[in-house]
Amino acid sequence: MPSEPRGPSPVATAMAVLRCFSPDRPVLGVVEIAEEIGLHKSSVSRMMSTLEAEDLVEQDPISKKYRLGLGLLSVTGSLLAHLDVRRAAVPVLTALSAETGETSSLMLWDGNASVTVEQVPSSHPVKHSSELGTRYSTVESSSVRIFLANMDEAERRAFLKRNSGAQMYGRLAAGDVDGTAANIGQTTADEIGVSAGVHDHRGNLIAAILISAPRYRVDDERVTHLRDACRAAAASLTQRLGGTPAV
C-alpha cells in the first residue's frame, strides 16, 4: 500500500520560517508567517516555540510577535569569522602581490585540507594560480604544513596517518623556519610555494597566506625574500584581525 505523501521536514519548515524575517520585516507574528509559508498557524506556533527554546527567535512579551534571536550568532559565527578574514585579507594580498610580483592567496583549513578562499594573481604573463575552492592535502604543500605545525599532537598524528605523510612531514618540516614553510617543486616540479600563518586575537591560527610562483623565477635568495614578504603579510593581516604577530 503506498505511503501517504509527507509534509515538509521540520528542518525545511524552520528554514522557511527564518527566511520570512528581513531588514524590512524584522518583527512578525504567527499569522503573518503562516500566511507567507502556507502552513496552519498551529504548526507555525509550535515551530516558533521550538526556535525560541533554541534562542533562534525571541518573542516580544507585549505584542507576542517574534524577531530573530541572538542564538543565530552561535550558528553563523564561524562563517562570519571566515568572511571577515577574507575581507581583511584582500588589501594585504593585493599589496603582497604588488611587492613580490607573484600570486598571493588566502588559505583556510577545512578539517583535512588547505583551501584557497581568496586570491590576487600575479601580473606576469607566466604565473601560478588556482581556482577558488582548490584543496591541498599533502604535506609537501607549504600551507598544509603551516596548519599541521599549529595542531595538537593527536590531531596532527591522525592527519599524517590518514595521508601516509609522517616521514615526509618530518623531513620537510625540518626546513620550515621563522613561522614560514616552503614547497620548492615538491608537488609540482615547475612551481614553488611559500606560506605563513595568520592568527586571531586569541592567538589561534585561523588562516595561512600563500605565495605561488614559477620555479624558474625563484632562486635561493628569492626564496628568502618571499619568506620574509609572506611572513610580513601574515603579520599585517594578523594585526588587522586584532591579533599580535609572532616575534
C-alpha atoms as a PDB file:
ATOM      1  CA  MET A   1       0.000   0.000   0.000  1.00  0.00           C
ATOM      2  CA  PRO A   2       1.578   3.327  -0.995  1.00  0.00           C
ATOM      3  CA  SER A   3       2.501   5.627   1.855  1.00  0.00           C
ATOM      4  CA  GLU A   4       0.834   8.970   2.181  1.00  0.00           C
ATOM      5  CA  PRO A   5       2.861  11.942   0.950  1.00  0.00           C
ATOM      6  CA  ARG A   6       4.779  13.557   3.737  1.00  0.00           C
ATOM      7  CA  GLY A   7       4.725  17.239   4.526  1.00  0.00           C
ATOM      8  CA  PRO A   8       7.819  19.391   4.699  1.00  0.00           C
ATOM      9  CA  SER A   9      10.511  18.241   7.091  1.00  0.00           C
ATOM     10  CA  PRO A  10      10.932  20.124  10.380  1.00  0.00           C
ATOM     11  CA  VAL A  11      14.277  21.472   9.161  1.00  0.00           C
ATOM     12  CA  ALA A  12      12.716  22.766   5.933  1.00  0.00           C
ATOM     13  CA  THR A  13       9.907  24.368   7.917  1.00  0.00           C
ATOM     14  CA  ALA A  14      12.345  26.003  10.314  1.00  0.00           C
ATOM     15  CA  MET A  15      14.359  27.432   7.423  1.00  0.00           C
ATOM     16  CA  ALA A  16      11.205  28.715   5.739  1.00  0.00           C
ATOM     17  CA  VAL A  17      10.201  30.446   8.969  1.00  0.00           C
ATOM     18  CA  LEU A  18      13.606  32.076   9.479  1.00  0.00           C
ATOM     19  CA  ARG A  19      13.697  33.300   5.886  1.00  0.00           C
ATOM     20  CA  CYS A  20      10.463  35.226   6.466  1.00  0.00           C
ATOM     21  CA  PHE A  21      12.410  37.767   8.504  1.00  0.00           C
ATOM     22  CA  SER A  22      14.236  40.552   6.680  1.00  0.00           C
ATOM     23  CA  PRO A  23      15.544  44.075   7.309  1.00  0.00           C
ATOM     24  CA  ASP A  24      12.198  45.357   6.018  1.00  0.00           C
ATOM     25  CA  ARG A  25      10.215  42.922   8.179  1.00  0.00           C
ATOM     26  CA  PRO A  26      12.229  42.353  11.362  1.00  0.00           C
ATOM     27  CA  VAL A  27       9.177  41.586  13.538  1.00  0.00           C
ATOM     28  CA  LEU A  28       6.486  39.097  12.537  1.00  0.00           C
ATOM     29  CA  GLY A  29       3.517  37.385  14.119  1.00  0.00           C
ATOM     30  CA  VAL A  30       2.472  33.754  13.801  1.00  0.00           C
ATOM     31  CA  VAL A  31      -0.395  34.590  11.427  1.00  0.00           C
ATOM     32  CA  GLU A  32       1.890  36.565   9.098  1.00  0.00           C
ATOM     33  CA  ILE A  33       4.428  33.746   8.989  1.00  0.00           C
ATOM     34  CA  ALA A  34       1.742  31.100   8.472  1.00  0.00           C
ATOM     35  CA  GLU A  35       0.295  33.020   5.534  1.00  0.00           C
ATOM     36  CA  GLU A  36       3.705  33.507   3.941  1.00  0.00           C
ATOM     37  CA  ILE A  37       4.866  29.897   4.099  1.00  0.00           C
ATOM     38  CA  GLY A  38       1.454  28.285   3.622  1.00  0.00           C
ATOM     39  CA  LEU A  39       1.177  26.338   6.877  1.00  0.00           C
ATOM     40  CA  HIS A  40      -1.538  26.259   9.528  1.00  0.00           C
ATOM     41  CA  LYS A  41      -0.874  28.741  12.303  1.00  0.00           C
ATOM     42  CA  SER A  42      -0.875  25.965  14.923  1.00  0.00           C
ATOM     43  CA  SER A  43       2.062  24.302  13.126  1.00  0.00           C
ATOM     44  CA  VAL A  44       3.879  27.617  12.914  1.00  0.00           C
ATOM     45  CA  SER A  45       3.180  28.334  16.573  1.00  0.00           C
ATOM     46  CA  ARG A  46       4.760  25.022  17.600  1.00  0.00           C
ATOM     47  CA  MET A  47       7.766  25.714  15.404  1.00  0.00           C
ATOM     48  CA  MET A  48       8.179  29.198  16.895  1.00  0.00           C
ATOM     49  CA  SER A  49       8.180  27.706  20.393  1.00  0.00           C
ATOM     50  CA  THR A  50      10.934  25.300  19.360  1.00  0.00           C
ATOM     51  CA  LEU A  51      13.002  28.052  17.747  1.00  0.00           C
ATOM     52  CA  GLU A  52      12.525  30.265  20.791  1.00  0.00           C
ATOM     53  CA  ALA A  53      13.753  27.480  23.076  1.00  0.00           C
ATOM     54  CA  GLU A  54      16.955  27.384  20.997  1.00  0.00           C
ATOM     55  CA  ASP A  55      17.297  31.203  21.091  1.00  0.00           C
ATOM     56  CA  LEU A  56      16.941  31.361  17.309  1.00  0.00           C
ATOM     57  CA  VAL A  57      13.974  33.712  17.682  1.00  0.00           C
ATOM     58  CA  GLU A  58      12.740  35.802  20.587  1.00  0.00           C
ATOM     59  CA  GLN A  59       9.188  36.843  21.402  1.00  0.00           C
ATOM     60  CA  ASP A  60       8.120  40.302  22.438  1.00  0.00           C
ATOM     61  CA  PRO A  61       6.248  39.843  25.753  1.00  0.00           C
ATOM     62  CA  ILE A  62       3.688  42.516  24.880  1.00  0.00           C
ATOM     63  CA  SER A  63       2.959  42.140  21.164  1.00  0.00           C
ATOM     64  CA  LYS A  64       3.697  38.369  21.187  1.00  0.00           C
ATOM     65  CA  LYS A  65       5.410  38.825  17.838  1.00  0.00           C
ATOM     66  CA  TYR A  66       8.847  37.433  17.029  1.00  0.00           C
ATOM     67  CA  ARG A  67      12.217  38.682  15.866  1.00  0.00           C
ATOM     68  CA  LEU A  68      15.409  36.776  15.109  1.00  0.00           C
ATOM     69  CA  GLY A  69      17.358  35.760  18.204  1.00  0.00           C
ATOM     70  CA  LEU A  70      20.991  36.065  19.177  1.00  0.00           C
ATOM     71  CA  GLY A  71      21.319  32.288  19.138  1.00  0.00           C
ATOM     72  CA  LEU A  72      21.766  32.564  15.373  1.00  0.00           C
ATOM     73  CA  LEU A  73      25.206  34.043  16.012  1.00  0.00           C
ATOM     74  CA  SER A  74      26.392  30.775  17.515  1.00  0.00           C
ATOM     75  CA  VAL A  75      25.349  29.034  14.290  1.00  0.00           C
ATOM     76  CA  THR A  76      26.849  31.562  11.879  1.00  0.00           C
ATOM     77  CA  GLY A  77      29.822  32.710  13.943  1.00  0.00           C
ATOM     78  CA  SER A  78      32.379  30.534  12.190  1.00  0.00           C
ATOM     79  CA  LEU A  79      31.180  31.586   8.741  1.00  0.00           C
ATOM     80  CA  LEU A  80      31.148  35.259   9.707  1.00  0.00           C
ATOM     81  CA  ALA A  81      34.690  34.946  11.027  1.00  0.00           C
ATOM     82  CA  HIS A  82      35.808  33.486   7.698  1.00  0.00           C
ATOM     83  CA  LEU A  83      34.058  36.247   5.780  1.00  0.00           C
ATOM     84  CA  ASP A  84      35.796  38.821   7.969  1.00  0.00           C
ATOM     85  CA  VAL A  85      39.158  37.188   7.260  1.00  0.00           C
ATOM     86  CA  ARG A  86      38.530  37.273   3.516  1.00  0.00           C
ATOM     87  CA  ARG A  87      37.534  40.936   3.537  1.00  0.00           C
ATOM     88  CA  ALA A  88      40.511  41.887   5.675  1.00  0.00           C
ATOM     89  CA  ALA A  89      42.863  39.825   3.513  1.00  0.00           C
ATOM     90  CA  VAL A  90      42.150  41.464   0.152  1.00  0.00           C
ATOM     91  CA  PRO A  91      44.256  44.636   0.646  1.00  0.00           C
ATOM     92  CA  VAL A  92      47.034  42.587   2.248  1.00  0.00           C
ATOM     93  CA  LEU A  93      47.112  40.118  -0.648  1.00  0.00           C
ATOM     94  CA  THR A  94      46.974  42.969  -3.158  1.00  0.00           C
ATOM     95  CA  ALA A  95      49.969  44.668  -1.544  1.00  0.00           C
ATOM     96  CA  LEU A  96      51.862  41.377  -1.310  1.00  0.00           C
ATOM     97  CA  SER A  97      51.347  40.590  -4.994  1.00  0.00           C
ATOM     98  CA  ALA A  98      52.415  44.121  -5.917  1.00  0.00           C
ATOM     99  CA  GLU A  99      55.575  43.771  -3.816  1.00  0.00           C
ATOM    100  CA  THR A 100      56.587  40.303  -4.986  1.00  0.00           C
ATOM    101  CA  GLY A 101      55.073  40.210  -8.455  1.00  0.00           C
ATOM    102  CA  GLU A 102      53.666  36.767  -7.656  1.00  0.00           C
ATOM    103  CA  THR A 103      50.249  35.265  -6.919  1.00  0.00           C
ATOM    104  CA  SER A 104      49.081  35.652  -3.315  1.00  0.00           C
ATOM    105  CA  SER A 105      46.322  33.521  -1.774  1.00  0.00           C
ATOM    106  CA  LEU A 106      44.409  33.202   1.477  1.00  0.00           C
ATOM    107  CA  MET A 107      44.103  29.611   2.667  1.00  0.00           C
ATOM    108  CA  LEU A 108      41.681  28.185   5.247  1.00  0.00           C
ATOM    109  CA  TRP A 109      41.694  24.723   6.847  1.00  0.00           C
ATOM    110  CA  ASP A 110      38.561  22.623   6.304  1.00  0.00           C
ATOM    111  CA  GLY A 111      39.485  19.758   8.621  1.00  0.00           C
ATOM    112  CA  ASN A 112      41.520  17.747   6.155  1.00  0.00           C
ATOM    113  CA  ALA A 113      42.853  20.184   3.568  1.00  0.00           C
ATOM    114  CA  SER A 114      44.075  23.710   2.976  1.00  0.00           C
ATOM    115  CA  VAL A 115      41.539  25.509   0.765  1.00  0.00           C
ATOM    116  CA  THR A 116      42.018  28.573  -1.458  1.00  0.00           C
ATOM    117  CA  VAL A 117      39.343  31.110  -0.483  1.00  0.00           C
ATOM    118  CA  GLU A 118      40.784  34.372  -1.837  1.00  0.00           C
ATOM    119  CA  GLN A 119      43.474  35.162  -4.391  1.00  0.00           C
ATOM    120  CA  VAL A 120      45.247  38.038  -6.126  1.00  0.00           C
ATOM    121  CA  PRO A 121      47.004  36.715  -9.237  1.00  0.00           C
ATOM    122  CA  SER A 122      50.444  37.742 -10.425  1.00  0.00           C
ATOM    123  CA  SER A 123      50.632  40.413 -13.117  1.00  0.00           C
ATOM    124  CA  HIS A 124      53.212  38.344 -15.029  1.00  0.00           C
ATOM    125  CA  PRO A 125      52.038  36.547 -18.184  1.00  0.00           C
ATOM    126  CA  VAL A 126      53.552  33.340 -16.778  1.00  0.00           C
ATOM    127  CA  LYS A 127      52.214  32.706 -13.285  1.00  0.00           C
ATOM    128  CA  HIS A 128      50.822  30.078 -10.970  1.00  0.00           C
ATOM    129  CA  SER A 129      47.273  30.464  -9.683  1.00  0.00           C
ATOM    130  CA  SER A 130      44.401  28.206  -8.662  1.00  0.00           C
ATOM    131  CA  GLU A 131      40.624  28.241  -8.684  1.00  0.00           C
ATOM    132  CA  LEU A 132      38.893  29.354  -5.503  1.00  0.00           C
ATOM    133  CA  GLY A 133      37.967  26.206  -3.619  1.00  0.00           C
ATOM    134  CA  THR A 134      41.104  24.318  -4.654  1.00  0.00           C
ATOM    135  CA  ARG A 135      42.119  21.924  -1.855  1.00  0.00           C
ATOM    136  CA  TYR A 136      45.633  20.861  -0.864  1.00  0.00           C
ATOM    137  CA  SER A 137      46.018  17.889   1.460  1.00  0.00           C
ATOM    138  CA  THR A 138      49.605  16.664   1.082  1.00  0.00           C
ATOM    139  CA  VAL A 139      52.411  17.529   3.477  1.00  0.00           C
ATOM    140  CA  GLU A 140      54.501  18.765   0.564  1.00  0.00           C
ATOM    141  CA  SER A 141      52.179  21.785   0.307  1.00  0.00           C
ATOM    142  CA  SER A 142      53.581  24.670   2.320  1.00  0.00           C
ATOM    143  CA  SER A 143      50.199  25.890   3.578  1.00  0.00           C
ATOM    144  CA  VAL A 144      49.304  22.386   4.787  1.00  0.00           C
ATOM    145  CA  ARG A 145      52.472  22.297   6.896  1.00  0.00           C
ATOM    146  CA  ILE A 146      51.622  25.675   8.420  1.00  0.00           C
ATOM    147  CA  PHE A 147      48.307  24.258   9.627  1.00  0.00           C
ATOM    148  CA  LEU A 148      49.888  20.980  10.764  1.00  0.00           C
ATOM    149  CA  ALA A 149      52.526  22.791  12.801  1.00  0.00           C
ATOM    150  CA  ASN A 150      49.785  24.501  14.811  1.00  0.00           C
ATOM    151  CA  MET A 151      47.706  21.389  15.518  1.00  0.00           C
ATOM    152  CA  ASP A 152      47.886  19.483  18.764  1.00  0.00           C
ATOM    153  CA  GLU A 153      49.942  16.302  18.563  1.00  0.00           C
ATOM    154  CA  ALA A 154      46.974  13.912  18.417  1.00  0.00           C
ATOM    155  CA  GLU A 155      45.266  15.812  15.597  1.00  0.00           C
ATOM    156  CA  ARG A 156      48.499  16.047  13.618  1.00  0.00           C
ATOM    157  CA  ARG A 157      49.230  12.333  14.008  1.00  0.00           C
ATOM    158  CA  ALA A 158      45.724  11.451  12.867  1.00  0.00           C
ATOM    159  CA  PHE A 159      46.105  13.581   9.745  1.00  0.00           C
ATOM    160  CA  LEU A 160      49.523  12.131   8.917  1.00  0.00           C
ATOM    161  CA  LYS A 161      48.208   8.595   9.418  1.00  0.00           C
ATOM    162  CA  ARG A 162      45.246   9.230   7.103  1.00  0.00           C
ATOM    163  CA  ASN A 163      47.524  10.664   4.454  1.00  0.00           C
ATOM    164  CA  SER A 164      50.588   8.429   4.984  1.00  0.00           C
ATOM    165  CA  GLY A 165      52.747  11.509   5.371  1.00  0.00           C
ATOM    166  CA  ALA A 166      54.610  11.118   8.667  1.00  0.00           C
ATOM    167  CA  GLN A 167      58.088  10.524   7.239  1.00  0.00           C
ATOM    168  CA  MET A 168      57.813  13.188   4.562  1.00  0.00           C
ATOM    169  CA  TYR A 169      56.386  15.696   7.044  1.00  0.00           C
ATOM    170  CA  GLY A 170      59.273  15.169   9.442  1.00  0.00           C
ATOM    171  CA  ARG A 171      61.805  15.733   6.679  1.00  0.00           C
ATOM    172  CA  LEU A 172      60.154  18.806   5.174  1.00  0.00           C
ATOM    173  CA  ALA A 173      59.152  20.419   8.474  1.00  0.00           C
ATOM    174  CA  ALA A 174      62.815  20.496   9.474  1.00  0.00           C
ATOM    175  CA  GLY A 175      63.302  23.157   6.792  1.00  0.00           C
ATOM    176  CA  ASP A 176      60.382  25.323   7.890  1.00  0.00           C
ATOM    177  CA  VAL A 177      61.855  28.372   9.617  1.00  0.00           C
ATOM    178  CA  ASP A 178      60.620  31.524  11.348  1.00  0.00           C
ATOM    179  CA  GLY A 179      56.964  30.614  11.002  1.00  0.00           C
ATOM    180  CA  THR A 180      57.174  30.005   7.262  1.00  0.00           C
ATOM    181  CA  ALA A 181      57.087  26.870   5.110  1.00  0.00           C
ATOM    182  CA  ALA A 182      58.341  26.425   1.560  1.00  0.00           C
ATOM    183  CA  ASN A 183      57.455  23.969  -1.187  1.00  0.00           C
ATOM    184  CA  ILE A 184      60.273  24.027  -3.738  1.00  0.00           C
ATOM    185  CA  GLY A 185      58.907  21.864  -6.509  1.00  0.00           C
ATOM    186  CA  GLN A 186      57.791  19.043  -4.203  1.00  0.00           C
ATOM    187  CA  THR A 187      54.232  18.905  -5.517  1.00  0.00           C
ATOM    188  CA  THR A 188      54.727  20.379  -8.987  1.00  0.00           C
ATOM    189  CA  ALA A 189      58.238  20.451 -10.419  1.00  0.00           C
ATOM    190  CA  ASP A 190      57.909  23.883 -12.007  1.00  0.00           C
ATOM    191  CA  GLU A 191      56.227  25.652  -9.067  1.00  0.00           C
ATOM    192  CA  ILE A 192      57.244  26.954  -5.666  1.00  0.00           C
ATOM    193  CA  GLY A 193      55.037  27.960  -2.753  1.00  0.00           C
ATOM    194  CA  VAL A 194      55.809  29.856   0.439  1.00  0.00           C
ATOM    195  CA  SER A 195      53.332  30.158   3.328  1.00  0.00           C
ATOM    196  CA  ALA A 196      52.977  31.820   6.730  1.00  0.00           C
ATOM    197  CA  GLY A 197      50.254  31.665   9.373  1.00  0.00           C
ATOM    198  CA  VAL A 198      47.610  34.231  10.325  1.00  0.00           C
ATOM    199  CA  HIS A 199      46.362  34.379  13.930  1.00  0.00           C
ATOM    200  CA  ASP A 200      43.296  35.879  15.579  1.00  0.00           C
ATOM    201  CA  HIS A 201      43.062  37.987  18.731  1.00  0.00           C
ATOM    202  CA  ARG A 202      43.212  34.830  20.873  1.00  0.00           C
ATOM    203  CA  GLY A 203      46.441  33.709  19.235  1.00  0.00           C
ATOM    204  CA  ASN A 204      44.745  30.863  17.353  1.00  0.00           C
ATOM    205  CA  LEU A 205      45.851  30.040  13.815  1.00  0.00           C
ATOM    206  CA  ILE A 206      42.898  30.808  11.539  1.00  0.00           C
ATOM    207  CA  ALA A 207      44.423  31.068   8.060  1.00  0.00           C
ATOM    208  CA  ALA A 208      47.600  30.995   6.024  1.00  0.00           C
ATOM    209  CA  ILE A 209      48.923  33.275   3.319  1.00  0.00           C
ATOM    210  CA  LEU A 210      50.475  31.530   0.325  1.00  0.00           C
ATOM    211  CA  ILE A 211      52.751  32.958  -2.369  1.00  0.00           C
ATOM    212  CA  SER A 212      52.921  30.867  -5.552  1.00  0.00           C
ATOM    213  CA  ALA A 213      55.456  31.390  -8.341  1.00  0.00           C
ATOM    214  CA  PRO A 214      57.054  29.618 -11.308  1.00  0.00           C
ATOM    215  CA  ARG A 215      60.203  27.891 -10.144  1.00  0.00           C
ATOM    216  CA  TYR A 216      62.382  29.317 -12.911  1.00  0.00           C
ATOM    217  CA  ARG A 217      61.853  32.813 -11.468  1.00  0.00           C
ATOM    218  CA  VAL A 218      62.925  31.902  -7.939  1.00  0.00           C
ATOM    219  CA  ASP A 219      66.474  31.185  -6.770  1.00  0.00           C
ATOM    220  CA  ASP A 220      67.573  30.612  -3.160  1.00  0.00           C
ATOM    221  CA  GLU A 221      67.942  34.326  -2.481  1.00  0.00           C
ATOM    222  CA  ARG A 222      64.483  34.954  -3.889  1.00  0.00           C
ATOM    223  CA  VAL A 223      63.009  32.215  -1.681  1.00  0.00           C
ATOM    224  CA  THR A 224      64.395  34.049   1.348  1.00  0.00           C
ATOM    225  CA  HIS A 225      62.808  37.288   0.137  1.00  0.00           C
ATOM    226  CA  LEU A 226      59.462  35.560  -0.429  1.00  0.00           C
ATOM    227  CA  ARG A 227      59.589  34.035   3.064  1.00  0.00           C
ATOM    228  CA  ASP A 228      60.183  37.478   4.571  1.00  0.00           C
ATOM    229  CA  ALA A 229      57.434  39.089   2.485  1.00  0.00           C
ATOM    230  CA  CYS A 230      54.941  36.316   3.277  1.00  0.00           C
ATOM    231  CA  ARG A 231      55.697  36.465   6.996  1.00  0.00           C
ATOM    232  CA  ALA A 232      55.275  40.260   6.997  1.00  0.00           C
ATOM    233  CA  ALA A 233      51.957  39.989   5.135  1.00  0.00           C
ATOM    234  CA  ALA A 234      50.688  37.356   7.578  1.00  0.00           C
ATOM    235  CA  ALA A 235      51.701  39.620  10.470  1.00  0.00           C
ATOM    236  CA  SER A 236      49.876  42.535   8.845  1.00  0.00           C
ATOM    237  CA  LEU A 237      46.674  40.510   8.431  1.00  0.00           C
ATOM    238  CA  THR A 238      47.002  39.225  11.995  1.00  0.00           C
ATOM    239  CA  GLN A 239      47.115  42.834  13.210  1.00  0.00           C
ATOM    240  CA  ARG A 240      44.110  43.775  11.072  1.00  0.00           C
ATOM    241  CA  LEU A 241      42.192  40.984  12.813  1.00  0.00           C
ATOM    242  CA  GLY A 242      43.167  42.230  16.267  1.00  0.00           C
ATOM    243  CA  GLY A 243      45.923  39.698  16.855  1.00  0.00           C
ATOM    244  CA  THR A 244      49.530  40.079  17.906  1.00  0.00           C
ATOM    245  CA  PRO A 245      52.083  38.921  15.324  1.00  0.00           C
ATOM    246  CA  ALA A 246      54.659  36.381  16.450  1.00  0.00           C
ATOM    247  CA  VAL A 247      58.011  37.917  17.293  1.00  0.00           C
END
